[in-house]
Amino acid sequence: MAALNREFLLQLNLFILLAIRRQQRKRKKHRFWVREMFQKREELGAYHRLVLELRLHDREYFFRFLRMSPDRFDHLLSLVGPLIAKKHCKSRKPISPSERLAVTLRYLATGDSQQSHAFYFRIGRSTVSNIVKETCNALWTALNQDYLKSPSTEEQWTNIADEFEREWNFPHCIGALDGKHIAMECPRNAGSAFFNYKNFHSIVLLATCDAKYCFTLIDIGAYGRENDAGVLTDSAFGQAFESDAVHLNLPQPVKVGTRLSRARRTIENAFGILAAKWRIFGRPIRGSVNLVENITRATVCLHNYLQLTDNAAYIPEKFIDSEDSAGNIVQGDWREVVENDGGLRNLGRLAGNRYKFNASKARNYLNDYFNQEGQVPWQLCHVRSCGNVNS
C-alpha cells in the first residue's frame, strides 16, 4: 500500500510540475488590448472631429483637406466602400469604409508619414499602413475601367485627335507622351536597379494624355535606371503601337513641327496637376516597390476621376498653363507648388537622338503644314517676338 501511495504522489507531483511549466510557457497577456489614445478615436480622432465638422460647416476647407467636395467624396465612397468594408467582430467595432477612405486620401494629399497619420487619426501605425495599401488597391479596382480605360477603337482614337486639333491646332495627334520618376526610398535588396542618373531611387511612370489633361495610357514600374527610349520600348503600350495592336487607322497622310511643344504642354500640365494635388509625390515614398506602384495607380485614377466629374473645382482658373493673344505661355499656379517641393522628376534623355525615317518624314510634313494652310494668326509674331498680335 505504501508503495502505491508513493507512486501516486510521484505521478501527481509530475502532473503538477508539467502543468506549471505549460502555464509559464503561455504567452504573456498584453497590458493593453488597445492603447488609451486609440480608445478615444471616435471622440478625438481627426475623422470624427475635424472631417465631420468640415463636412457640415466648411465645404471649402473640406475640399482642401481631401481634394474633393463632400458630394464627390460620397460618390467615390459608393464605388470604393464595398471593397474596403470590414466585418464586425465580437471584441471591437471595425473602422468604417468612410474613415478608411479619408485616411488614404489625406495621406496621398499631404505625403506626410504614416506615423503622423496614426497620431492624427488615432489609429495604429500598422493599421494605417494596411488601410493605405488596401484602399489604394480598391481605388484602382473601382475606377480604372471607367475613368482610365484605354482607347480601343478607331473612333475613340479619332475623337482624341479631333480634340487636339480643336484645342491646340495640332492635327492627327492621338496623345501627348512623357515619363516621370516616382522618387522612393531605397527598396530592400534592390541593388542599383532603381538608382537613376539623378542619384535617387525611383520607378518610372510613363503616360499619355488627351487634350484635356486626362491620362489615357499608363505604364508603371520600370526601373529608375532605364532611359526614356528603353522604358517606351519595353512598355506594354509601346509594344502595342509598334505591332499596331491598337488598330489605328487615322485618315490621310499626316500633313502636319513648330507647334509641337505647344500641344505637348498638355502632358506637362497633366503631370503638374497630379503632383500639385497629390503631394505624396513631393518627397521619396517610403514603402515597398509594390506599394509605390499601387499609390501611383490610385492617384492617376483619382486625377482622371476628379477631372471628369468635378473639373471646375479640381482645376481652378489659372491653375494650368494658358496663352495670351500673342501665343505667349502664361505659366499656371501648379508650377510654383511643384517646383518648390520637387514634384515628379523628369526622365531626361540618355539615349541617342536617332529616329526612324517615318518620324523624319512626319516632322517635315508638320513643318510644311504649320507654315502654310495650318498657320494660326499669332504664329509669326510669336516666332519673331514682335509683341502682341492685336496691337
Protein backbone atom coordinates (compact mmCIF):
# COMPACT_ATOMS: atom_id res chain seq x y z
CA MET A 1 0.00 0.00 0.00
CA ALA A 2 2.84 2.41 0.89
CA ALA A 3 4.49 1.72 -2.46
CA LEU A 4 1.25 2.52 -4.27
CA ASN A 5 0.82 5.77 -2.36
CA ARG A 6 4.42 6.74 -3.13
CA GLU A 7 3.89 6.03 -6.84
CA PHE A 8 0.65 8.03 -6.83
CA LEU A 9 2.33 11.03 -5.18
CA LEU A 10 5.18 10.94 -7.68
CA GLN A 11 2.74 10.94 -10.61
CA LEU A 12 0.71 13.72 -9.01
CA ASN A 13 3.82 15.85 -8.48
CA LEU A 14 4.92 15.25 -12.06
CA PHE A 15 1.47 16.25 -13.34
CA ILE A 16 1.54 19.44 -11.25
CA LEU A 17 5.08 20.30 -12.46
CA LEU A 18 4.12 19.82 -16.10
CA ALA A 19 1.02 21.99 -15.63
CA ILE A 20 3.12 24.77 -14.09
CA ARG A 21 5.61 24.65 -16.94
CA ARG A 22 2.83 24.78 -19.54
CA GLN A 23 1.39 27.79 -17.80
CA GLN A 24 4.78 29.52 -17.78
CA ARG A 25 5.24 28.89 -21.47
CA LYS A 26 1.97 30.59 -22.31
CA ARG A 27 2.36 33.98 -23.96
CA LYS A 28 2.15 36.88 -21.58
CA LYS A 29 -1.00 38.91 -21.91
CA HIS A 30 -0.77 42.38 -23.43
CA ARG A 31 -1.05 45.19 -20.96
CA PHE A 32 -3.47 46.89 -23.33
CA TRP A 33 -5.82 45.45 -25.90
CA VAL A 34 -5.93 48.96 -27.42
CA ARG A 35 -3.83 51.93 -26.35
CA GLU A 36 -5.74 54.54 -24.42
CA MET A 37 -5.24 57.20 -27.11
CA PHE A 38 -6.72 54.84 -29.71
CA GLN A 39 -9.71 54.13 -27.50
CA LYS A 40 -10.64 57.80 -27.90
CA ARG A 41 -10.56 57.66 -31.71
CA GLU A 42 -14.29 58.21 -32.15
CA GLU A 43 -14.16 61.06 -29.64
CA LEU A 44 -10.98 62.92 -30.59
CA GLY A 45 -9.67 61.43 -33.87
CA ALA A 46 -9.29 63.69 -36.91
CA TYR A 47 -12.01 61.94 -38.88
CA HIS A 48 -14.67 62.13 -36.18
CA ARG A 49 -13.81 65.66 -35.09
CA LEU A 50 -12.27 67.61 -37.98
CA VAL A 51 -13.54 65.87 -41.14
CA LEU A 52 -17.14 65.65 -39.97
CA GLU A 53 -17.04 69.26 -38.75
CA LEU A 54 -15.69 70.50 -42.10
CA ARG A 55 -18.31 68.45 -43.91
CA LEU A 56 -21.10 70.22 -42.05
CA HIS A 57 -19.75 73.76 -41.79
CA ASP A 58 -16.92 74.42 -44.24
CA ARG A 59 -17.05 72.78 -47.66
CA GLU A 60 -14.10 74.82 -48.95
CA TYR A 61 -11.76 73.51 -46.28
CA PHE A 62 -13.19 70.01 -46.68
CA PHE A 63 -12.10 70.22 -50.33
CA ARG A 64 -8.63 71.39 -49.34
CA PHE A 65 -8.34 68.62 -46.78
CA LEU A 66 -9.35 65.69 -49.02
CA ARG A 67 -9.04 67.24 -52.52
CA MET A 68 -12.75 66.82 -53.24
CA SER A 69 -16.16 68.07 -52.17
CA PRO A 70 -18.38 66.17 -49.70
CA ASP A 71 -20.70 65.16 -52.56
CA ARG A 72 -17.80 63.82 -54.60
CA PHE A 73 -16.44 62.01 -51.52
CA ASP A 74 -19.81 60.30 -51.05
CA HIS A 75 -19.92 59.19 -54.68
CA LEU A 76 -16.36 57.86 -54.52
CA LEU A 77 -17.23 56.06 -51.28
CA SER A 78 -20.16 54.36 -53.00
CA LEU A 79 -17.71 52.93 -55.55
CA VAL A 80 -14.87 52.01 -53.20
CA GLY A 81 -16.69 51.34 -49.92
CA PRO A 82 -17.84 47.77 -50.66
CA LEU A 83 -14.23 46.80 -51.43
CA ILE A 84 -12.78 48.07 -48.14
CA ALA A 85 -15.59 47.33 -45.66
CA LYS A 86 -14.65 45.05 -42.75
CA LYS A 87 -16.88 42.62 -40.86
CA HIS A 88 -17.79 43.29 -37.26
CA CYS A 89 -16.06 41.15 -34.68
CA LYS A 90 -17.18 40.41 -31.12
CA SER A 91 -14.43 42.32 -29.37
CA ARG A 92 -14.40 45.63 -31.25
CA LYS A 93 -16.04 47.74 -33.91
CA PRO A 94 -14.18 47.93 -37.26
CA ILE A 95 -13.01 51.20 -38.81
CA SER A 96 -15.68 52.34 -41.26
CA PRO A 97 -15.09 52.50 -45.04
CA SER A 98 -15.57 56.29 -45.00
CA GLU A 99 -12.84 56.73 -42.38
CA ARG A 100 -10.52 54.38 -44.27
CA LEU A 101 -11.06 56.37 -47.46
CA ALA A 102 -10.46 59.68 -45.63
CA VAL A 103 -7.21 58.41 -44.10
CA THR A 104 -5.94 57.31 -47.53
CA LEU A 105 -6.95 60.49 -49.34
CA ARG A 106 -5.29 62.64 -46.68
CA TYR A 107 -2.12 60.53 -46.87
CA LEU A 108 -1.99 60.92 -50.66
CA ALA A 109 -2.83 64.63 -50.46
CA THR A 110 -0.09 65.52 -47.95
CA GLY A 111 2.69 62.97 -48.33
CA ASP A 112 3.19 63.04 -44.55
CA SER A 113 4.42 59.84 -42.92
CA GLN A 114 2.06 57.06 -41.96
CA GLN A 115 3.15 57.53 -38.35
CA SER A 116 1.95 61.15 -38.46
CA HIS A 117 -1.43 60.00 -39.72
CA ALA A 118 -1.53 57.35 -36.98
CA PHE A 119 -1.28 60.08 -34.35
CA TYR A 120 -3.62 62.40 -36.21
CA PHE A 121 -6.43 59.91 -36.77
CA ARG A 122 -5.70 57.97 -33.52
CA ILE A 123 -5.16 54.70 -35.38
CA GLY A 124 -2.22 52.32 -35.01
CA ARG A 125 0.62 52.85 -37.49
CA SER A 126 0.44 49.29 -38.82
CA THR A 127 -3.32 49.75 -39.22
CA VAL A 128 -2.75 52.95 -41.21
CA SER A 129 -0.28 51.06 -43.40
CA ASN A 130 -2.83 48.32 -44.10
CA ILE A 131 -5.57 50.88 -44.75
CA VAL A 132 -3.46 52.77 -47.31
CA LYS A 133 -2.43 49.58 -49.09
CA GLU A 134 -5.93 48.12 -49.26
CA THR A 135 -7.66 51.38 -50.20
CA CYS A 136 -5.17 52.19 -52.99
CA ASN A 137 -5.83 48.75 -54.46
CA ALA A 138 -9.56 49.35 -54.14
CA LEU A 139 -9.33 52.76 -55.84
CA TRP A 140 -7.60 51.18 -58.81
CA THR A 141 -10.11 48.33 -58.98
CA ALA A 142 -13.13 50.62 -58.67
CA LEU A 143 -12.02 53.39 -61.03
CA ASN A 144 -9.69 52.19 -63.75
CA GLN A 145 -12.31 50.58 -66.01
CA ASP A 146 -14.49 53.69 -66.19
CA TYR A 147 -12.02 56.55 -65.70
CA LEU A 148 -8.75 55.19 -67.09
CA LYS A 149 -9.98 52.98 -69.87
CA SER A 150 -7.58 52.95 -72.79
CA PRO A 151 -8.98 53.88 -76.22
CA SER A 152 -9.66 50.67 -78.12
CA THR A 153 -11.49 51.66 -81.30
CA GLU A 154 -10.67 53.79 -84.30
CA GLU A 155 -13.48 56.14 -83.35
CA GLN A 156 -12.09 56.72 -79.85
CA TRP A 157 -8.61 57.47 -81.18
CA THR A 158 -10.05 59.81 -83.80
CA ASN A 159 -12.03 61.68 -81.14
CA ILE A 160 -8.81 62.35 -79.23
CA ALA A 161 -7.13 63.57 -82.44
CA ASP A 162 -10.07 65.86 -83.23
CA GLU A 163 -9.90 67.32 -79.73
CA PHE A 164 -6.18 68.09 -80.10
CA GLU A 165 -6.89 69.89 -83.36
CA ARG A 166 -9.71 71.94 -81.81
CA GLU A 167 -7.85 72.85 -78.63
CA TRP A 168 -4.23 73.11 -79.82
CA ASN A 169 -4.41 73.40 -83.65
CA PHE A 170 -2.38 70.20 -83.93
CA PRO A 171 -3.95 67.68 -86.34
CA HIS A 172 -3.75 63.89 -86.15
CA CYS A 173 -2.35 63.85 -82.62
CA ILE A 174 -3.61 60.90 -80.57
CA GLY A 175 -1.92 61.89 -77.32
CA ALA A 176 1.00 63.65 -75.64
CA LEU A 177 3.63 61.32 -74.19
CA ASP A 178 6.11 61.77 -71.34
CA GLY A 179 7.60 59.94 -68.38
CA LYS A 180 8.41 60.87 -64.81
CA HIS A 181 10.49 59.43 -62.00
CA ILE A 182 8.50 58.49 -58.88
CA ALA A 183 11.03 59.00 -56.07
CA MET A 184 11.12 56.40 -53.32
CA GLU A 185 13.37 55.24 -50.52
CA CYS A 186 15.83 52.51 -51.42
CA PRO A 187 13.97 49.17 -51.66
CA ARG A 188 15.37 46.22 -49.75
CA ASN A 189 17.82 44.02 -51.64
CA ALA A 190 17.29 46.04 -54.84
CA GLY A 191 20.93 46.80 -55.58
CA SER A 192 21.25 49.57 -58.17
CA ALA A 193 18.24 48.59 -60.30
CA PHE A 194 16.14 51.55 -59.16
CA PHE A 195 19.01 54.04 -58.78
CA ASN A 196 18.73 56.61 -61.57
CA TYR A 197 21.18 59.03 -63.15
CA LYS A 198 19.91 61.85 -60.89
CA ASN A 199 21.17 59.89 -57.89
CA PHE A 200 17.97 58.79 -56.20
CA HIS A 201 15.86 55.62 -56.28
CA SER A 202 12.72 55.59 -58.40
CA ILE A 203 10.28 53.76 -60.58
CA VAL A 204 9.04 55.25 -63.85
CA LEU A 205 5.55 56.45 -64.67
CA LEU A 206 5.16 56.59 -68.47
CA ALA A 207 1.89 58.09 -69.65
CA THR A 208 -0.03 59.68 -72.50
CA CYS A 209 -2.85 62.18 -72.06
CA ASP A 210 -5.58 63.72 -74.18
CA ALA A 211 -6.10 67.40 -74.98
CA LYS A 212 -7.92 67.99 -71.65
CA TYR A 213 -5.15 66.63 -69.36
CA CYS A 214 -6.73 63.23 -68.70
CA PHE A 215 -4.39 60.25 -68.78
CA THR A 216 -5.25 57.72 -71.46
CA LEU A 217 -2.44 55.15 -71.27
CA ILE A 218 -0.06 54.46 -68.39
CA ASP A 219 2.83 52.12 -67.71
CA ILE A 220 4.13 51.99 -64.12
CA GLY A 221 7.08 50.22 -62.57
CA ALA A 222 10.07 50.39 -64.94
CA TYR A 223 13.43 50.57 -63.18
CA GLY A 224 14.58 54.11 -62.48
CA ARG A 225 17.96 53.45 -64.10
CA GLU A 226 16.36 52.91 -67.54
CA ASN A 227 16.34 55.73 -70.11
CA ASP A 228 13.24 57.10 -71.78
CA ALA A 229 13.68 55.17 -75.03
CA GLY A 230 14.17 51.88 -73.19
CA VAL A 231 11.13 52.46 -70.99
CA LEU A 232 8.93 53.17 -74.01
CA THR A 233 10.23 50.18 -75.94
CA ASP A 234 9.58 47.80 -73.03
CA SER A 235 6.21 49.25 -72.04
CA ALA A 236 3.00 47.42 -72.89
CA PHE A 237 1.55 50.26 -74.96
CA GLY A 238 4.89 50.95 -76.66
CA GLN A 239 4.92 47.38 -77.91
CA ALA A 240 1.25 47.66 -78.87
CA PHE A 241 1.91 50.71 -81.04
CA GLU A 242 4.94 49.05 -82.61
CA SER A 243 2.90 45.99 -83.59
CA ASP A 244 -0.20 48.06 -84.50
CA ALA A 245 -2.19 46.12 -81.90
CA VAL A 246 -4.15 49.30 -81.14
CA HIS A 247 -5.59 49.25 -84.68
CA LEU A 248 -5.02 52.87 -85.58
CA ASN A 249 -6.37 54.00 -88.90
CA LEU A 250 -6.27 57.77 -88.83
CA PRO A 251 -7.32 59.30 -92.17
CA GLN A 252 -4.96 60.66 -94.85
CA PRO A 253 -1.18 61.14 -94.77
CA VAL A 254 -0.17 63.34 -91.87
CA LYS A 255 0.39 66.83 -93.27
CA VAL A 256 1.38 68.39 -90.11
CA GLY A 257 6.52 70.86 -86.03
CA THR A 258 6.83 74.20 -84.76
CA ARG A 259 3.65 73.87 -82.61
CA LEU A 260 4.75 70.52 -81.18
CA SER A 261 5.86 71.97 -77.85
CA ARG A 262 2.50 73.76 -77.52
CA ALA A 263 0.50 70.56 -77.89
CA ARG A 264 2.97 68.59 -75.78
CA ARG A 265 2.40 71.03 -72.92
CA THR A 266 -0.77 69.06 -72.15
CA ILE A 267 1.21 66.17 -70.65
CA GLU A 268 3.36 68.62 -68.67
CA ASN A 269 0.20 70.10 -67.21
CA ALA A 270 -1.29 66.67 -66.52
CA PHE A 271 1.77 65.63 -64.52
CA GLY A 272 1.89 69.06 -62.87
CA ILE A 273 -1.71 68.83 -61.69
CA LEU A 274 -1.09 65.30 -60.42
CA ALA A 275 1.95 66.33 -58.37
CA ALA A 276 0.40 69.56 -57.06
CA LYS A 277 -2.83 67.93 -55.91
CA TRP A 278 -1.34 64.72 -54.55
CA ARG A 279 1.72 65.79 -52.58
CA ILE A 280 2.73 62.20 -51.89
CA PHE A 281 4.99 62.73 -54.91
CA GLY A 282 6.75 65.70 -53.31
CA ARG A 283 9.22 63.53 -51.41
CA PRO A 284 10.58 59.96 -51.66
CA ILE A 285 7.81 57.49 -50.85
CA ARG A 286 8.63 55.11 -48.03
CA GLY A 287 7.45 51.59 -48.77
CA SER A 288 7.90 48.56 -50.96
CA VAL A 289 8.05 48.81 -54.74
CA ASN A 290 4.60 47.23 -54.87
CA LEU A 291 3.18 49.92 -52.56
CA VAL A 292 4.73 52.73 -54.62
CA GLU A 293 3.19 51.26 -57.78
CA ASN A 294 -0.22 50.96 -56.09
CA ILE A 295 -0.06 54.55 -54.84
CA THR A 296 0.79 55.76 -58.33
CA ARG A 297 -2.07 53.80 -59.90
CA ALA A 298 -4.53 55.11 -57.31
CA THR A 299 -3.55 58.77 -57.75
CA VAL A 300 -3.68 58.58 -61.55
CA CYS A 301 -7.20 57.15 -61.28
CA LEU A 302 -8.19 59.86 -58.77
CA HIS A 303 -6.80 62.50 -61.13
CA ASN A 304 -8.94 61.29 -64.04
CA TYR A 305 -11.97 60.71 -61.83
CA LEU A 306 -11.94 64.29 -60.49
CA GLN A 307 -11.13 65.71 -63.93
CA LEU A 308 -14.15 64.04 -65.46
CA THR A 309 -16.63 64.50 -62.61
CA ASP A 310 -15.68 67.81 -60.97
CA ASN A 311 -13.30 69.58 -63.34
CA ALA A 312 -14.03 73.18 -62.32
CA ALA A 313 -13.23 72.53 -58.66
CA TYR A 314 -10.29 70.20 -59.26
CA ILE A 315 -8.56 72.55 -61.73
CA PRO A 316 -9.44 76.15 -60.79
CA GLU A 317 -8.82 79.12 -63.06
CA LYS A 318 -5.12 79.98 -63.57
CA PHE A 319 -4.02 76.63 -62.14
CA ILE A 320 -2.79 75.31 -65.51
CA ASP A 321 -0.75 76.99 -68.25
CA SER A 322 -2.62 79.35 -70.55
CA GLU A 323 -1.83 81.63 -73.50
CA ASP A 324 -2.20 85.30 -74.21
CA SER A 325 -3.40 86.59 -77.58
CA ALA A 326 0.15 86.51 -78.98
CA GLY A 327 0.65 82.85 -78.15
CA ASN A 328 2.90 83.55 -75.15
CA ILE A 329 2.67 80.99 -72.36
CA VAL A 330 1.30 82.17 -69.02
CA GLN A 331 2.52 79.63 -66.51
CA GLY A 332 -0.05 78.01 -64.23
CA ASP A 333 -0.06 78.07 -60.44
CA TRP A 334 0.78 74.36 -60.24
CA ARG A 335 4.35 75.13 -61.31
CA GLU A 336 5.10 77.15 -58.19
CA VAL A 337 3.74 74.39 -55.98
CA VAL A 338 5.58 71.54 -57.70
CA GLU A 339 8.86 73.30 -58.36
CA ASN A 340 9.15 74.30 -54.70
CA ASP A 341 8.99 70.74 -53.38
CA GLY A 342 10.39 68.73 -56.28
CA GLY A 343 7.24 67.00 -57.50
CA LEU A 344 7.64 64.40 -60.21
CA ARG A 345 11.12 64.34 -61.74
CA ASN A 346 11.78 64.36 -65.48
CA LEU A 347 13.17 61.26 -67.10
CA GLY A 348 15.73 63.07 -69.20
CA ARG A 349 17.20 61.85 -72.46
CA LEU A 350 20.02 59.38 -72.10
CA ALA A 351 19.68 57.61 -75.44
CA GLY A 352 20.84 58.86 -78.81
CA ASN A 353 18.78 61.19 -80.97
CA ARG A 354 18.46 58.81 -83.90
CA TYR A 355 14.95 58.32 -85.18
CA LYS A 356 13.24 56.43 -87.94
CA PHE A 357 12.74 57.70 -91.47
CA ASN A 358 8.96 57.81 -90.96
CA ALA A 359 9.40 60.11 -87.97
CA SER A 360 11.58 62.46 -90.02
CA LYS A 361 9.05 62.44 -92.85
CA ALA A 362 6.16 63.22 -90.48
CA ARG A 363 8.14 66.09 -88.94
CA ASN A 364 8.74 67.65 -92.35
CA TYR A 365 5.04 67.31 -93.25
CA LEU A 366 4.17 69.02 -89.99
CA ASN A 367 6.58 71.84 -90.66
CA ASP A 368 5.12 72.49 -94.15
CA TYR A 369 1.55 72.33 -92.87
CA PHE A 370 2.10 74.73 -89.95
CA ASN A 371 3.78 77.26 -92.20
CA GLN A 372 1.08 77.15 -94.87
CA GLU A 373 -2.62 76.28 -94.55
CA GLY A 374 -2.31 75.28 -90.89
CA GLN A 375 -0.93 78.65 -89.78
CA VAL A 376 -2.64 80.40 -86.82
CA PRO A 377 -2.99 84.24 -86.53
CA TRP A 378 -0.47 84.81 -83.75
CA GLN A 379 2.15 82.38 -85.04
CA LEU A 380 4.58 84.64 -86.95
CA CYS A 381 4.53 87.40 -84.36
CA HIS A 382 5.25 84.88 -81.63
CA VAL A 383 8.21 83.39 -83.51
CA ARG A 384 9.58 86.85 -84.42
CA SER A 385 8.91 88.26 -80.93
CA CYS A 386 7.12 91.27 -82.36
CA GLY A 387 4.78 91.81 -79.43
CA ASN A 388 1.03 91.42 -79.08
CA VAL A 389 -0.59 90.32 -82.32
CA ASN A 390 -3.62 92.53 -81.65
CA SER A 391 -1.64 95.72 -81.02
